[in-house]
Amino acid sequence: MTAETLIKENTRFNRDGSPLEVVIPYETFIEFIEEYGLDLSSEEVEAIKEAKKDHDSGNRQNYISAEALEKELGLM
């Protein structure tokens, strides 16, 4: 769901038709902030930016394979 759709579908208006507030279910709010990364700390955002820069420049030395990650997480 896009931010525009979320707001459009959940806006309440006052008597003269002006937007008054946006009311959404709590679960929808949580999904929204997680989907758009609004729950991330500034350190996490910086780490993501650095990883994207590494990826875009072809620098793969800080990456591990999916298999190695699964082993590290005890999923294999």
C-alpha atoms as a PDB file:
ATOM      1  CA  MET A   1       0.000   0.000   0.000  1.00  0.00           C
ATOM      2  CA  THR A   2       1.396   3.392  -0.927  1.00  0.00           C
ATOM      3  CA  ALA A   3       1.446   6.318   1.476  1.00  0.00           C
ATOM      4  CA  GLU A   4      -0.941   8.181  -0.805  1.00  0.00           C
ATOM      5  CA  THR A   5      -3.481   5.340  -0.765  1.00  0.00           C
ATOM      6  CA  LEU A   6      -3.148   4.887   2.988  1.00  0.00           C
ATOM      7  CA  ILE A   7      -3.810   8.571   3.627  1.00  0.00           C
ATOM      8  CA  LYS A   8      -6.589   8.864   1.056  1.00  0.00           C
ATOM      9  CA  GLU A   9      -8.478   5.861   2.435  1.00  0.00           C
ATOM     10  CA  ASN A  10      -8.172   6.908   6.079  1.00  0.00           C
ATOM     11  CA  THR A  11      -8.589  10.698   6.128  1.00  0.00           C
ATOM     12  CA  ARG A  12     -11.394  12.200   8.144  1.00  0.00           C
ATOM     13  CA  PHE A  13     -12.744  15.602   7.177  1.00  0.00           C
ATOM     14  CA  ASN A  14     -14.355  18.378   9.183  1.00  0.00           C
ATOM     15  CA  ARG A  15     -17.757  19.873   8.353  1.00  0.00           C
ATOM     16  CA  ASP A  16     -16.401  22.245   5.713  1.00  0.00           C
ATOM     17  CA  GLY A  17     -14.593  19.403   3.914  1.00  0.00           C
ATOM     18  CA  SER A  18     -11.062  20.209   5.027  1.00  0.00           C
ATOM     19  CA  PRO A  19      -8.836  17.281   6.044  1.00  0.00           C
ATOM     20  CA  LEU A  20      -8.852  16.931   9.805  1.00  0.00           C
ATOM     21  CA  GLU A  21      -6.949  13.765  10.663  1.00  0.00           C
ATOM     22  CA  VAL A  22      -5.770  10.417   9.370  1.00  0.00           C
ATOM     23  CA  VAL A  23      -6.913   7.448  11.421  1.00  0.00           C
ATOM     24  CA  ILE A  24      -5.543   4.014  10.577  1.00  0.00           C
ATOM     25  CA  PRO A  25      -5.549   0.684  12.398  1.00  0.00           C
ATOM     26  CA  TYR A  26      -2.495   0.157  14.598  1.00  0.00           C
ATOM     27  CA  GLU A  27      -1.340  -2.927  12.641  1.00  0.00           C
ATOM     28  CA  THR A  28      -1.525  -0.950   9.388  1.00  0.00           C
ATOM     29  CA  PHE A  29       0.548   1.811  10.991  1.00  0.00           C
ATOM     30  CA  ILE A  30       3.217  -0.658  12.144  1.00  0.00           C
ATOM     31  CA  GLU A  31       3.360  -2.300   8.705  1.00  0.00           C
ATOM     32  CA  PHE A  32       3.690   1.127   7.101  1.00  0.00           C
ATOM     33  CA  ILE A  33       6.575   2.336   9.259  1.00  0.00           C
ATOM     34  CA  GLU A  34       8.402  -0.978   8.863  1.00  0.00           C
ATOM     35  CA  GLU A  35       7.881  -1.087   5.090  1.00  0.00           C
ATOM     36  CA  TYR A  36       9.272   2.422   4.632  1.00  0.00           C
ATOM     37  CA  GLY A  37      12.091   2.009   7.173  1.00  0.00           C
ATOM     38  CA  LEU A  38      10.759   4.669   9.498  1.00  0.00           C
ATOM     39  CA  ASP A  39      11.572   2.461  12.484  1.00  0.00           C
ATOM     40  CA  LEU A  40      15.303   2.348  11.705  1.00  0.00           C
ATOM     41  CA  SER A  41      17.914   4.160  13.778  1.00  0.00           C
ATOM     42  CA  SER A  42      20.236   6.649  12.106  1.00  0.00           C
ATOM     43  CA  GLU A  43      23.066   4.090  12.448  1.00  0.00           C
ATOM     44  CA  GLU A  44      20.997   1.460  10.623  1.00  0.00           C
ATOM     45  CA  VAL A  45      20.140   3.908   7.851  1.00  0.00           C
ATOM     46  CA  GLU A  46      23.834   4.773   7.438  1.00  0.00           C
ATOM     47  CA  ALA A  47      24.785   1.069   7.324  1.00  0.00           C
ATOM     48  CA  ILE A  48      22.206   0.476   4.597  1.00  0.00           C
ATOM     49  CA  LYS A  49      23.513   3.439   2.602  1.00  0.00           C
ATOM     50  CA  GLU A  50      27.090   2.123   2.895  1.00  0.00           C
ATOM     51  CA  ALA A  51      26.012  -1.374   1.843  1.00  0.00           C
ATOM     52  CA  LYS A  52      24.180   0.049  -1.183  1.00  0.00           C
ATOM     53  CA  LYS A  53      27.268   2.058  -2.129  1.00  0.00           C
ATOM     54  CA  ASP A  54      29.434  -1.079  -1.852  1.00  0.00           C
ATOM     55  CA  HIS A  55      26.948  -3.072  -3.912  1.00  0.00           C
ATOM     56  CA  ASP A  56      26.635  -0.428  -6.624  1.00  0.00           C
ATOM     57  CA  SER A  57      30.427  -0.069  -6.922  1.00  0.00           C
ATOM     58  CA  GLY A  58      30.968  -3.835  -7.118  1.00  0.00           C
ATOM     59  CA  ASN A  59      32.743  -4.033  -3.754  1.00  0.00           C
ATOM     60  CA  ARG A  60      31.718  -7.462  -2.476  1.00  0.00           C
ATOM     61  CA  GLN A  61      34.335  -7.983   0.271  1.00  0.00           C
ATOM     62  CA  ASN A  62      31.832  -7.152   3.038  1.00  0.00           C
ATOM     63  CA  TYR A  63      29.198  -9.561   1.712  1.00  0.00           C
ATOM     64  CA  ILE A  64      28.717 -13.217   2.572  1.00  0.00           C
ATOM     65  CA  SER A  65      26.816 -15.874   0.643  1.00  0.00           C
ATOM     66  CA  ALA A  66      23.253 -16.815   1.529  1.00  0.00           C
ATOM     67  CA  GLU A  67      24.547 -20.270   2.476  1.00  0.00           C
ATOM     68  CA  ALA A  68      27.129 -18.818   4.882  1.00  0.00           C
ATOM     69  CA  LEU A  69      24.473 -16.570   6.418  1.00  0.00           C
ATOM     70  CA  GLU A  70      22.110 -19.506   6.920  1.00  0.00           C
ATOM     71  CA  LYS A  71      24.897 -21.422   8.656  1.00  0.00           C
ATOM     72  CA  GLU A  72      25.758 -18.408  10.827  1.00  0.00           C
ATOM     73  CA  LEU A  73      22.103 -18.066  11.841  1.00  0.00           C
ATOM     74  CA  GLY A  74      21.811 -21.791  12.506  1.00  0.00           C
ATOM     75  CA  LEU A  75      19.274 -22.336   9.752  1.00  0.00           C
ATOM     76  CA  MET A  76      21.245 -25.186   8.132  1.00  0.00           C
END
